[in-house]
Amino acid sequence: MTPSTVLLNEFTFDPAYPELGYLHEVHRGKIVTFRQGGQVLITDVYQDPLLPGIKTCAKGDLLEPMGLLHETIQDFPLFYEESLASNNEILVQITVLGHPIGFEDRHTSMAVVSPGQSTLLILQVMNGIALARSTMPSWLPLPSTIPPDSWLLVETNWFRMVEQPCRHKLQSLDKLRNNAIVVINVHETLNFTFKTFMSDTLSSAERYKKRMSVVLTNPTGFRVTVHHFWDKTNNHMLTLNIFSHLCKKGMTMVTVYIPEASLMCSMTSITFTLQNACPEGLSIVYLPSRPISDYEWLHGDPEDENEDRILYNLPVNYRPPSKLGVLIPTTENIYNADPSKPIPRQHYPVSKNTGRYKQCAGKASLEECGCTDSLRVSPLAIYSDCRQRVLRKIYPLINFNVTLFLRRVNHPDQPLRSPYFVTVTEVNNRTNWAVTGTQSTSTLAKMRELLNTMHNQTFFNPEGLQITCYGTELFHFRISVIPGVVLCDLVDEVQIFVDKGPLGFPAAYVISCITAIGLGGLLMLGLLLKTANPSSGVLKTFWRKHKVAPESN
């Protein structure tokens, strides 16, 4: 197939679209048939192509050779020279050298074609001399003479435009449905690949031709990169690389279509809606170094590499300590709740006035609380009534690694990284803990500097996040992704029971004092025994009284 260019002047328009006046984008894919023969498939239409006096320009594939006129003037040479029109437009004056008559009025709107030079559209004929407009002025040296065997006369003032038969088909290699809704997360990249098929080998003979185009209704909402390539059979393929670079909700409609395809085809375009929003099922989860199944959480007794139990069974109606002491809880959360049993550690008014059931509120027994297995393994504080077992760590707990993952439906877990910065809080208001490790990056420093006035809490990089607990018993941490980096609330909670800690006040001090007194007394007795004279009467008398007499036979 030979590419060809069809140019129509300002007086030519399609009768099917009189409101357009000129060639338009809707004419792509139509076939232009000329009266003298020749068919051109329009593949591209250009509005205002920066050519003087030309309103539209259509580029197409030549399906049938153009019909040529055979007139006597074609046996004579032509002379081109510059002519200035009344509107200061530079035109070309064409003179037929040696012909007695030259051009006639019927030659108006015909085209003079000379291979290797610009085509000339005849606008007016006066006294055998034609006044023409050059379609490509830079390709026409003036003045110049064209030999008689180097130019043709083509009739372009009459043509008709028809719809071509279906020759194209568009396919999504990712099985993307037409009018589908695709949700993309912030800083996420999606790729979609499309492929075109041609039903006739003649039209597909031109290699490396781009047959697909892409239109976006909101091009600033996403960063879209288009990559064109071709397979071994010369089928045009297109890949859309879409990156969500703005942390705000937005939407755009993406249309991939074949501009030159016929309206007779049923599948020449695919349109889908791209939404920048929180994807379905997106969450963050903490995964311990030793995976624990739901069955082990409920019924098992897993151990670590040191054969220590990694789960701790909480007492019934348990409440963790506060900064006032182990026996003075002040939190509202109750763990492993059972309304039929008493709540321990209520020796002080502050403990009696705090602590509320949630799942078991207004219930008389544990069976009425409606705790399911999914609620029992949930670490969230709103389900603390059903929580029976938590992670167990041995005191002292120093630099405990908190490894977080980004979880999404039908996607593998991804490690939570920058810029998903997080805040860490203790839901029971315990203060004897600290974040002692996080991977410092330039992005983290800049974010802290910019958002210091917006957030009262310090946020951390989830990579390398470590927590040190200086106290014992239950610590309940809530880890939240800061607002502004994702379009939904991402929160997870981690519960750790620090076991085998030192004795609390005042037992530790009492035992220390008794031990010190006992050791002091023993040292004093040893000192007296060592410094006393063995031959003294006191020691002899003590020895005689405690000496055992030998038994007689």
Protein backbone atom coordinates (compact mmCIF):
# COMPACT_ATOMS: atom_id res chain seq x y z
CA MET A 1 0.00 0.00 0.00
CA THR A 2 1.28 3.41 -0.94
CA PRO A 3 0.58 6.32 1.41
CA SER A 4 -1.08 9.27 -0.30
CA THR A 5 -2.21 12.73 0.73
CA VAL A 6 -5.58 14.19 -0.19
CA LEU A 7 -5.97 17.96 0.16
CA LEU A 8 -9.30 19.71 -0.20
CA ASN A 9 -9.67 23.45 -0.49
CA GLU A 10 -12.09 25.64 1.42
CA PHE A 11 -14.98 25.02 -0.97
CA THR A 12 -15.05 21.25 -0.43
CA PHE A 13 -17.15 19.67 2.31
CA ASP A 14 -19.03 16.48 3.04
CA PRO A 15 -22.77 16.75 2.31
CA ALA A 16 -23.45 14.28 5.14
CA TYR A 17 -22.06 16.80 7.68
CA PRO A 18 -23.01 20.25 6.36
CA GLU A 19 -22.62 21.78 9.81
CA LEU A 20 -18.90 20.95 9.81
CA GLY A 21 -18.16 22.57 6.48
CA TYR A 22 -14.83 20.81 6.06
CA LEU A 23 -13.20 17.49 6.73
CA HIS A 24 -13.39 16.54 10.37
CA GLU A 25 -12.22 13.85 12.76
CA VAL A 26 -15.42 11.89 12.08
CA HIS A 27 -14.26 11.34 8.50
CA ARG A 28 -11.35 9.17 9.58
CA GLY A 29 -11.84 5.66 8.30
CA LYS A 30 -14.04 6.67 5.40
CA ILE A 31 -13.23 5.92 1.77
CA VAL A 32 -13.04 8.73 -0.78
CA THR A 33 -13.85 7.63 -4.35
CA PHE A 34 -12.99 9.94 -7.26
CA ARG A 35 -14.97 10.09 -10.52
CA GLN A 36 -11.97 9.43 -12.70
CA GLY A 37 -11.02 6.45 -10.55
CA GLY A 38 -9.03 5.95 -7.41
CA GLN A 39 -9.91 5.30 -3.77
CA VAL A 40 -8.26 6.72 -0.67
CA LEU A 41 -8.85 5.52 2.88
CA ILE A 42 -8.66 8.54 5.18
CA THR A 43 -6.40 7.77 8.14
CA ASP A 44 -5.67 11.24 9.52
CA VAL A 45 -7.43 14.60 9.37
CA TYR A 46 -5.67 17.84 10.26
CA GLN A 47 -7.54 21.03 11.06
CA ASP A 48 -5.74 24.27 10.07
CA PRO A 49 -2.55 22.52 8.88
CA LEU A 50 -0.69 25.88 8.68
CA LEU A 51 -0.92 25.89 4.89
CA PRO A 52 -2.07 29.22 3.40
CA GLY A 53 -5.66 29.00 2.21
CA ILE A 54 -6.12 25.34 3.14
CA LYS A 55 -8.62 24.65 5.92
CA THR A 56 -8.32 20.91 6.24
CA CYS A 57 -5.86 18.28 5.20
CA ALA A 58 -6.50 14.55 5.06
CA LYS A 59 -3.85 11.88 4.90
CA GLY A 60 -4.81 8.44 3.70
CA ASP A 61 -3.88 5.08 2.25
CA LEU A 62 -4.27 4.63 -1.50
CA LEU A 63 -6.56 1.67 -2.06
CA GLU A 64 -6.87 2.12 -5.83
CA PRO A 65 -4.62 4.17 -8.16
CA MET A 66 -5.86 7.63 -9.00
CA GLY A 67 -7.45 8.10 -12.43
CA LEU A 68 -5.42 10.31 -14.77
CA LEU A 69 -6.70 12.71 -17.42
CA HIS A 70 -5.31 12.53 -20.95
CA GLU A 71 -5.37 15.97 -22.57
CA THR A 72 -3.25 17.61 -25.19
CA ILE A 73 -1.81 20.18 -22.83
CA GLN A 74 -0.03 17.41 -20.96
CA ASP A 75 2.31 17.11 -23.94
CA PHE A 76 3.68 20.60 -23.26
CA PRO A 77 5.99 21.89 -20.53
CA LEU A 78 4.79 24.10 -17.68
CA PHE A 79 6.31 27.27 -16.35
CA TYR A 80 5.87 28.16 -12.66
CA GLU A 81 6.26 31.69 -11.39
CA GLU A 82 5.20 33.59 -8.30
CA SER A 83 2.05 35.65 -8.21
CA LEU A 84 0.80 37.88 -5.40
CA ALA A 85 -2.94 37.73 -4.72
CA SER A 86 -5.08 40.60 -3.46
CA ASN A 87 -4.88 39.33 0.12
CA ASN A 88 -1.07 39.23 -0.10
CA GLU A 89 -1.14 35.45 -0.42
CA ILE A 90 1.61 34.05 -2.59
CA LEU A 91 0.13 31.96 -5.39
CA VAL A 92 1.65 30.16 -8.34
CA GLN A 93 1.00 31.20 -11.91
CA ILE A 94 1.14 28.27 -14.33
CA THR A 95 1.70 28.81 -18.04
CA VAL A 96 1.57 26.05 -20.68
CA LEU A 97 4.53 26.75 -22.90
CA GLY A 98 3.87 26.31 -26.63
CA HIS A 99 0.18 25.42 -26.38
CA PRO A 100 -2.13 27.74 -28.35
CA ILE A 101 -4.96 27.72 -25.78
CA GLY A 102 -3.46 26.65 -22.43
CA PHE A 103 -5.70 25.96 -19.45
CA GLU A 104 -9.46 26.26 -19.73
CA ASP A 105 -12.19 27.04 -17.18
CA ARG A 106 -13.04 23.36 -16.78
CA HIS A 107 -9.59 22.82 -15.32
CA THR A 108 -10.56 24.83 -12.23
CA SER A 109 -10.31 22.75 -8.98
CA MET A 110 -8.12 20.18 -10.73
CA ALA A 111 -4.67 19.36 -9.41
CA VAL A 112 -1.32 19.53 -11.17
CA VAL A 113 0.85 16.76 -9.77
CA SER A 114 4.57 16.64 -10.35
CA PRO A 115 6.44 13.81 -8.58
CA GLY A 116 9.03 15.16 -6.21
CA GLN A 117 7.44 18.62 -6.04
CA SER A 118 4.44 20.22 -4.44
CA THR A 119 0.95 19.58 -5.78
CA LEU A 120 -0.82 22.62 -7.18
CA LEU A 121 -4.58 23.18 -6.81
CA ILE A 122 -5.94 25.30 -9.66
CA LEU A 123 -8.10 28.09 -8.24
CA GLN A 124 -8.78 30.20 -11.35
CA VAL A 125 -8.07 30.24 -15.08
CA MET A 126 -7.68 33.46 -17.08
CA ASN A 127 -6.56 33.66 -20.68
CA GLY A 128 -5.10 30.16 -20.62
CA ILE A 129 -3.00 30.87 -17.52
CA ALA A 130 -3.87 29.07 -14.26
CA LEU A 131 -3.59 30.59 -10.83
CA ALA A 132 -2.93 27.82 -8.29
CA ARG A 133 -2.20 27.28 -4.64
CA SER A 134 0.76 25.20 -3.56
CA THR A 135 0.08 22.51 -0.96
CA MET A 136 3.73 22.39 0.06
CA PRO A 137 5.40 25.72 -0.80
CA SER A 138 8.78 24.63 0.51
CA TRP A 139 8.88 21.86 -2.08
CA LEU A 140 8.32 24.16 -5.03
CA PRO A 141 11.22 26.28 -6.31
CA LEU A 142 10.09 29.41 -8.14
CA PRO A 143 10.44 30.14 -10.97
CA SER A 144 10.84 26.71 -12.51
CA THR A 145 10.01 24.77 -15.69
CA ILE A 146 8.46 21.29 -15.67
CA PRO A 147 9.11 19.03 -18.69
CA PRO A 148 6.03 17.55 -20.45
CA ASP A 149 6.66 14.02 -19.18
CA SER A 150 7.04 15.13 -15.54
CA TRP A 151 3.56 16.35 -14.62
CA LEU A 152 0.02 14.98 -14.51
CA LEU A 153 -3.43 16.48 -14.38
CA VAL A 154 -5.73 14.90 -11.76
CA GLU A 155 -9.41 15.65 -11.31
CA THR A 156 -10.18 16.18 -7.60
CA ASN A 157 -13.21 18.45 -7.79
CA TRP A 158 -15.71 15.57 -7.65
CA PHE A 159 -15.68 12.74 -5.19
CA ARG A 160 -17.97 10.84 -2.89
CA MET A 161 -17.36 9.53 0.61
CA VAL A 162 -18.61 6.15 1.80
CA GLU A 163 -18.19 4.00 4.90
CA GLN A 164 -15.62 1.29 4.51
CA PRO A 165 -16.38 -2.36 5.33
CA CYS A 166 -15.23 -3.66 8.69
CA ARG A 167 -11.54 -4.56 8.59
CA HIS A 168 -10.40 -3.95 12.19
CA LYS A 169 -10.79 -5.48 15.61
CA LEU A 170 -9.51 -4.28 18.97
CA GLN A 171 -8.66 -6.66 21.81
CA SER A 172 -7.59 -6.13 25.41
CA LEU A 173 -4.91 -8.62 26.39
CA ASP A 174 -5.71 -8.00 30.07
CA LYS A 175 -9.37 -9.02 29.58
CA LEU A 176 -10.46 -5.49 30.39
CA ARG A 177 -14.20 -5.17 29.86
CA ASN A 178 -15.68 -2.24 28.02
CA ASN A 179 -17.08 0.44 30.40
CA ALA A 180 -15.25 -1.15 33.32
CA ILE A 181 -14.38 0.80 36.48
CA VAL A 182 -10.73 0.47 37.53
CA VAL A 183 -9.66 1.74 40.96
CA ILE A 184 -6.04 2.80 41.34
CA ASN A 185 -4.29 3.60 44.61
CA VAL A 186 -1.97 6.54 45.26
CA HIS A 187 1.56 5.86 43.92
CA GLU A 188 0.32 2.72 42.21
CA THR A 189 1.17 1.77 38.64
CA LEU A 190 -1.17 -0.12 36.32
CA ASN A 191 -0.44 -1.50 32.87
CA PHE A 192 -2.95 -2.35 30.16
CA THR A 193 -2.08 -3.80 26.75
CA PHE A 194 -4.24 -3.67 23.64
CA LYS A 195 -3.87 -5.26 20.21
CA THR A 196 -5.37 -4.56 16.79
CA PHE A 197 -6.17 -7.11 14.08
CA MET A 198 -6.63 -6.49 10.36
CA SER A 199 -8.87 -8.69 8.23
CA ASP A 200 -7.12 -7.99 4.91
CA THR A 201 -3.45 -8.46 4.20
CA LEU A 202 -3.29 -5.57 1.75
CA SER A 203 -4.09 -2.94 4.37
CA SER A 204 -1.73 -4.48 6.92
CA ALA A 205 1.21 -4.55 4.52
CA GLU A 206 2.48 -1.21 5.76
CA ARG A 207 4.84 -1.99 8.61
CA TYR A 208 5.03 -0.17 11.94
CA LYS A 209 1.88 1.84 11.42
CA LYS A 210 0.20 3.18 14.54
CA ARG A 211 -3.46 2.29 14.26
CA MET A 212 -4.62 2.98 17.83
CA SER A 213 -5.11 6.29 19.62
CA VAL A 214 -5.80 7.16 23.26
CA VAL A 215 -8.10 9.87 24.65
CA LEU A 216 -8.31 10.92 28.33
CA THR A 217 -11.02 13.18 29.71
CA ASN A 218 -8.79 14.32 32.61
CA PRO A 219 -5.18 14.09 31.47
CA THR A 220 -3.79 15.96 34.50
CA GLY A 221 -5.22 13.52 37.06
CA PHE A 222 -2.88 10.70 36.16
CA ARG A 223 0.51 10.22 34.58
CA VAL A 224 -0.15 8.14 31.47
CA THR A 225 2.62 6.82 29.22
CA VAL A 226 1.79 5.20 25.88
CA HIS A 227 4.14 2.63 24.41
CA HIS A 228 3.65 1.43 20.81
CA PHE A 229 5.11 -1.78 19.44
CA TRP A 230 4.34 -4.47 16.89
CA ASP A 231 4.29 -8.24 17.03
CA LYS A 232 5.86 -10.61 14.51
CA THR A 233 2.79 -10.48 12.27
CA ASN A 234 2.81 -6.65 12.12
CA ASN A 235 -0.19 -6.25 14.43
CA HIS A 236 -0.06 -2.93 16.23
CA MET A 237 0.09 -3.26 20.03
CA LEU A 238 -0.22 -0.53 22.62
CA THR A 239 0.57 -0.52 26.34
CA LEU A 240 -0.80 2.08 28.75
CA ASN A 241 1.36 2.74 31.79
CA ILE A 242 -0.78 4.61 34.33
CA PHE A 243 0.72 6.09 37.49
CA SER A 244 -1.29 7.82 40.21
CA HIS A 245 0.90 10.72 41.33
CA LEU A 246 -1.69 12.93 43.09
CA CYS A 247 -3.04 12.20 46.56
CA LYS A 248 -6.58 13.32 45.87
CA LYS A 249 -9.70 11.70 44.61
CA GLY A 250 -10.14 11.98 40.88
CA MET A 251 -11.54 10.26 37.84
CA THR A 252 -10.82 10.07 34.15
CA MET A 253 -12.30 8.12 31.28
CA VAL A 254 -9.77 6.39 29.06
CA THR A 255 -10.71 5.46 25.51
CA VAL A 256 -8.48 3.35 23.28
CA TYR A 257 -9.81 3.25 19.75
CA ILE A 258 -8.90 2.72 16.09
CA PRO A 259 -9.56 6.06 14.34
CA GLU A 260 -9.61 4.62 10.83
CA ALA A 261 -11.93 1.75 11.72
CA SER A 262 -15.33 1.50 10.11
CA LEU A 263 -18.56 2.16 11.95
CA MET A 264 -19.62 -1.23 10.70
CA CYS A 265 -17.25 -2.88 13.21
CA SER A 266 -18.55 -3.97 16.59
CA MET A 267 -15.29 -3.80 18.56
CA THR A 268 -13.00 -0.95 17.62
CA SER A 269 -12.86 0.95 20.92
CA ILE A 270 -12.57 0.16 24.62
CA THR A 271 -13.54 2.73 27.24
CA PHE A 272 -12.97 2.35 30.96
CA THR A 273 -13.20 4.66 33.94
CA LEU A 274 -10.11 5.16 36.07
CA GLN A 275 -10.77 6.23 39.66
CA ASN A 276 -8.12 7.48 42.03
CA ALA A 277 -9.63 6.18 45.26
CA CYS A 278 -9.14 3.70 48.06
CA PRO A 279 -9.11 0.20 46.51
CA GLU A 280 -11.48 -2.40 47.87
CA GLY A 281 -10.05 -4.36 50.78
CA LEU A 282 -6.90 -2.24 51.17
CA SER A 283 -5.45 -2.53 54.68
CA ILE A 284 -2.21 -2.77 56.61
CA VAL A 285 -1.41 -5.83 58.69
CA TYR A 286 1.27 -6.77 61.18
CA LEU A 287 2.81 -10.16 60.50
CA PRO A 288 5.00 -11.69 63.24
CA SER A 289 8.34 -13.25 62.32
CA ARG A 290 6.89 -16.65 63.12
CA PRO A 291 3.56 -16.98 61.23
CA ILE A 292 0.61 -17.95 63.43
CA SER A 293 -2.49 -19.49 61.89
CA ASP A 294 -6.01 -18.76 63.08
CA TYR A 295 -6.23 -22.29 64.45
CA GLU A 296 -3.12 -21.71 66.58
CA TRP A 297 -4.55 -18.42 67.81
CA LEU A 298 -7.68 -20.19 68.97
CA HIS A 299 -6.61 -23.70 69.99
CA GLY A 300 -2.88 -24.25 69.52
CA ASP A 301 0.13 -23.66 71.72
CA PRO A 302 2.91 -22.60 69.30
CA GLU A 303 6.51 -22.14 70.44
CA ASP A 304 9.47 -20.20 69.12
CA GLU A 305 12.98 -21.47 68.35
CA ASN A 306 13.82 -21.37 72.08
CA GLU A 307 10.79 -23.54 72.91
CA ASP A 308 9.09 -20.62 74.66
CA ARG A 309 5.36 -20.17 74.26
CA ILE A 310 4.58 -17.29 71.89
CA LEU A 311 0.94 -16.84 72.96
CA TYR A 312 -0.35 -15.74 76.34
CA ASN A 313 -3.79 -16.57 77.74
CA LEU A 314 -5.24 -13.43 79.28
CA PRO A 315 -7.11 -13.70 82.60
CA VAL A 316 -10.86 -13.24 82.54
CA ASN A 317 -11.91 -9.58 82.59
CA TYR A 318 -8.28 -8.54 82.35
CA ARG A 319 -7.28 -4.87 82.41
CA PRO A 320 -3.66 -3.80 81.80
CA PRO A 321 -1.70 -1.62 84.23
CA SER A 322 -1.53 2.15 84.12
CA LYS A 323 1.14 4.67 85.00
CA LEU A 324 -0.30 4.66 88.55
CA GLY A 325 0.69 1.03 89.09
CA VAL A 326 0.03 -2.58 88.16
CA LEU A 327 -2.98 -2.86 90.50
CA ILE A 328 -4.53 0.46 89.41
CA PRO A 329 -5.87 0.08 85.86
CA THR A 330 -7.49 3.15 84.32
CA THR A 331 -8.24 2.01 80.75
CA GLU A 332 -11.73 1.58 79.36
CA ASN A 333 -10.77 -1.64 77.57
CA ILE A 334 -11.54 -5.01 79.10
CA TYR A 335 -10.00 -8.14 77.60
CA ASN A 336 -11.35 -11.70 77.63
CA ALA A 337 -14.62 -10.40 79.03
CA ASP A 338 -17.14 -12.51 80.92
CA PRO A 339 -20.01 -10.51 82.49
CA SER A 340 -20.88 -13.41 84.80
CA LYS A 341 -17.54 -13.13 86.62
CA PRO A 342 -16.12 -10.30 88.76
CA ILE A 343 -13.68 -7.76 87.36
CA PRO A 344 -10.32 -7.91 89.21
CA ARG A 345 -8.11 -4.99 90.23
CA GLN A 346 -10.89 -2.69 91.38
CA HIS A 347 -9.40 -1.64 94.67
CA TYR A 348 -9.42 2.09 93.97
CA PRO A 349 -12.17 4.47 92.81
CA VAL A 350 -10.33 5.38 89.62
CA SER A 351 -10.37 1.71 88.63
CA LYS A 352 -14.01 1.21 89.59
CA ASN A 353 -15.13 4.21 87.52
CA THR A 354 -13.36 3.02 84.37
CA GLY A 355 -13.59 -0.09 82.27
CA ARG A 356 -16.58 -0.69 80.00
CA TYR A 357 -17.82 -3.73 78.13
CA LYS A 358 -18.31 -3.31 74.39
CA GLN A 359 -19.32 -6.59 72.79
CA CYS A 360 -20.65 -7.82 76.14
CA ALA A 361 -22.43 -4.61 77.12
CA GLY A 362 -25.79 -5.41 78.71
CA LYS A 363 -25.16 -9.16 78.55
CA ALA A 364 -25.37 -11.55 81.50
CA SER A 365 -22.92 -14.24 80.35
CA LEU A 366 -20.11 -14.92 77.93
CA GLU A 367 -22.37 -16.93 75.65
CA GLU A 368 -24.58 -13.88 75.08
CA CYS A 369 -21.67 -11.71 73.94
CA GLY A 370 -21.70 -13.28 70.47
CA CYS A 371 -17.93 -13.56 70.13
CA THR A 372 -17.00 -15.36 66.91
CA ASP A 373 -13.65 -16.84 65.94
CA SER A 374 -12.92 -13.86 63.69
CA LEU A 375 -13.54 -11.48 66.61
CA ARG A 376 -11.35 -13.55 68.91
CA VAL A 377 -8.35 -13.29 66.58
CA SER A 378 -8.90 -9.60 65.80
CA PRO A 379 -6.36 -7.27 67.49
CA LEU A 380 -8.63 -4.20 67.29
CA ALA A 381 -9.57 -2.49 70.53
CA ILE A 382 -13.27 -2.44 69.62
CA TYR A 383 -13.24 -6.25 69.90
CA SER A 384 -11.18 -6.43 73.09
CA ASP A 385 -14.07 -8.18 74.92
CA CYS A 386 -13.52 -11.22 72.71
CA ARG A 387 -9.72 -11.17 72.77
CA GLN A 388 -8.43 -14.16 74.75
CA ARG A 389 -4.85 -14.62 73.59
CA VAL A 390 -2.08 -12.19 72.66
CA LEU A 391 1.56 -12.35 71.65
CA ARG A 392 3.92 -13.20 74.48
CA LYS A 393 7.40 -11.77 74.88
CA ILE A 394 9.94 -12.17 77.66
CA TYR A 395 11.04 -9.18 79.71
CA PRO A 396 12.96 -7.04 78.83
CA LEU A 397 11.46 -6.33 75.41
CA ILE A 398 14.01 -4.22 73.57
CA ASN A 399 13.83 -3.16 69.90
CA PHE A 400 10.82 -5.29 69.05
CA ASN A 401 10.48 -5.37 65.24
CA VAL A 402 7.08 -4.30 63.94
CA THR A 403 6.88 -5.56 60.34
CA LEU A 404 3.92 -4.12 58.47
CA PHE A 405 2.54 -5.15 55.09
CA LEU A 406 0.11 -3.56 52.66
CA ARG A 407 -2.67 -6.05 51.91
CA ARG A 408 -5.15 -5.88 49.03
CA VAL A 409 -7.68 -8.28 47.57
CA ASN A 410 -6.25 -10.43 44.75
CA HIS A 411 -2.79 -8.92 45.25
CA PRO A 412 0.27 -10.27 47.08
CA ASP A 413 1.26 -8.62 50.36
CA GLN A 414 3.71 -5.76 49.87
CA PRO A 415 6.04 -4.43 52.63
CA LEU A 416 4.86 -1.06 53.90
CA ARG A 417 7.42 1.52 52.84
CA SER A 418 7.91 5.24 52.46
CA PRO A 419 5.92 7.42 51.92
CA TYR A 420 3.38 5.43 53.99
CA PHE A 421 4.62 7.02 57.21
CA VAL A 422 2.90 5.89 60.40
CA THR A 423 2.09 7.09 63.91
CA VAL A 424 2.26 4.80 66.95
CA THR A 425 0.03 5.17 70.01
CA GLU A 426 -0.77 2.99 73.02
CA VAL A 427 -4.55 2.62 73.29
CA ASN A 428 -4.49 2.03 77.08
CA ASN A 429 -2.48 5.24 77.72
CA ARG A 430 0.58 3.42 78.99
CA THR A 431 3.72 5.55 78.93
CA ASN A 432 6.59 3.17 79.72
CA TRP A 433 7.45 2.42 76.10
CA ALA A 434 9.13 4.19 73.17
CA VAL A 435 9.79 3.86 69.45
CA THR A 436 13.50 3.12 69.39
CA GLY A 437 14.09 2.33 65.73
CA THR A 438 13.05 3.58 62.30
CA GLN A 439 14.84 3.95 58.99
CA SER A 440 15.65 7.61 58.50
CA THR A 441 15.34 8.94 54.97
CA SER A 442 15.46 12.37 53.36
CA THR A 443 11.78 12.03 52.53
CA LEU A 444 10.93 11.38 56.18
CA ALA A 445 12.90 14.44 57.29
CA LYS A 446 11.21 16.67 54.72
CA MET A 447 7.76 15.34 55.59
CA ARG A 448 8.34 15.92 59.30
CA GLU A 449 9.47 19.44 58.57
CA LEU A 450 6.48 20.23 56.36
CA LEU A 451 3.79 18.54 58.45
CA ASN A 452 5.08 19.46 61.89
CA THR A 453 2.42 22.14 62.28
CA MET A 454 -0.38 19.90 60.99
CA HIS A 455 0.23 16.80 63.09
CA ASN A 456 0.81 16.86 66.83
CA GLN A 457 2.21 13.32 66.78
CA THR A 458 5.58 12.21 65.53
CA PHE A 459 5.40 9.88 62.56
CA PHE A 460 7.90 7.23 61.58
CA ASN A 461 9.06 5.29 58.58
CA PRO A 462 7.47 1.80 58.72
CA GLU A 463 10.72 0.33 57.42
CA GLY A 464 12.84 -0.71 60.39
CA LEU A 465 10.16 0.24 62.94
CA GLN A 466 11.14 -0.96 66.44
CA ILE A 467 9.45 -0.56 69.83
CA THR A 468 10.96 -0.99 73.30
CA CYS A 469 8.70 -1.74 76.30
CA TYR A 470 10.11 -0.78 79.70
CA GLY A 471 7.20 -2.26 81.67
CA THR A 472 5.42 -5.58 81.84
CA GLU A 473 2.04 -7.11 81.04
CA LEU A 474 -0.12 -6.01 78.10
CA PHE A 475 0.86 -3.29 75.65
CA HIS A 476 -1.73 -2.48 72.98
CA PHE A 477 -0.31 -0.39 70.11
CA ARG A 478 -2.30 1.27 67.36
CA ILE A 479 -0.33 1.97 64.16
CA SER A 480 -1.93 4.37 61.66
CA VAL A 481 -0.81 5.65 58.28
CA ILE A 482 -0.74 9.45 58.33
CA PRO A 483 -3.40 11.31 56.32
CA GLY A 484 -2.37 12.71 52.98
CA VAL A 485 -0.47 9.75 51.54
CA VAL A 486 -3.42 7.46 50.90
CA LEU A 487 -7.11 8.02 50.26
CA CYS A 488 -8.38 5.78 53.06
CA ASP A 489 -7.73 5.15 56.74
CA LEU A 490 -5.14 2.41 57.18
CA VAL A 491 -4.90 1.21 60.77
CA ASP A 492 -3.68 -1.96 62.47
CA GLU A 493 -3.14 -2.84 66.11
CA VAL A 494 -0.55 -4.99 67.83
CA GLN A 495 -1.00 -6.56 71.28
CA ILE A 496 2.05 -7.76 73.21
CA PHE A 497 2.16 -9.28 76.70
CA VAL A 498 5.56 -8.80 78.35
CA ASP A 499 5.97 -11.76 80.71
CA LYS A 500 8.36 -12.70 83.53
CA GLY A 501 9.13 -9.17 84.54
CA PRO A 502 10.57 -7.97 87.86
CA LEU A 503 8.32 -7.74 90.93
CA GLY A 504 6.38 -4.55 91.24
CA PHE A 505 6.37 -2.00 94.07
CA PRO A 506 6.59 -2.55 97.06
CA ALA A 507 7.23 -6.30 96.94
CA ALA A 508 10.56 -5.90 95.19
CA TYR A 509 11.79 -3.45 97.84
CA VAL A 510 10.62 -5.66 100.77
CA ILE A 511 12.33 -8.73 99.38
CA SER A 512 15.49 -6.72 98.74
CA CYS A 513 15.54 -5.45 102.31
CA ILE A 514 14.99 -8.92 103.84
CA THR A 515 17.69 -10.40 101.62
CA ALA A 516 20.12 -7.64 102.56
CA ILE A 517 19.45 -8.15 106.31
CA GLY A 518 19.89 -11.92 106.03
CA LEU A 519 23.13 -11.64 104.12
CA GLY A 520 24.40 -9.05 106.62
CA GLY A 521 23.67 -11.36 109.55
CA LEU A 522 25.46 -14.28 107.95
CA LEU A 523 28.49 -12.15 107.21
CA MET A 524 28.57 -10.91 110.81
CA LEU A 525 28.36 -14.46 112.19
CA GLY A 526 31.13 -15.61 109.92
CA LEU A 527 33.28 -12.74 111.00
CA LEU A 528 32.76 -13.55 114.70
CA LEU A 529 33.63 -17.20 114.20
CA LYS A 530 36.78 -16.31 112.31
CA THR A 531 38.12 -13.72 114.77
CA ALA A 532 37.31 -15.66 118.01
CA ASN A 533 40.11 -17.73 119.83
CA PRO A 534 39.47 -21.47 119.37
CA SER A 535 41.00 -22.26 122.87
CA SER A 536 38.65 -20.00 124.79
CA GLY A 537 36.30 -21.44 127.40
CA VAL A 538 33.17 -20.29 125.60
CA LEU A 539 33.88 -22.35 122.51
CA LYS A 540 34.93 -25.38 124.58
CA THR A 541 31.76 -25.27 126.62
CA PHE A 542 29.71 -24.95 123.38
CA TRP A 543 31.55 -27.93 121.93
CA ARG A 544 30.99 -30.16 125.03
CA LYS A 545 27.27 -29.43 125.12
CA HIS A 546 26.76 -30.35 121.49
CA LYS A 547 29.20 -33.26 121.38
CA VAL A 548 27.41 -36.56 120.81
CA ALA A 549 28.46 -39.36 123.21
CA PRO A 550 29.49 -42.66 121.57
CA GLU A 551 27.03 -45.51 121.94
CA SER A 552 28.12 -48.39 124.22
CA ASN A 553 28.21 -51.89 122.92
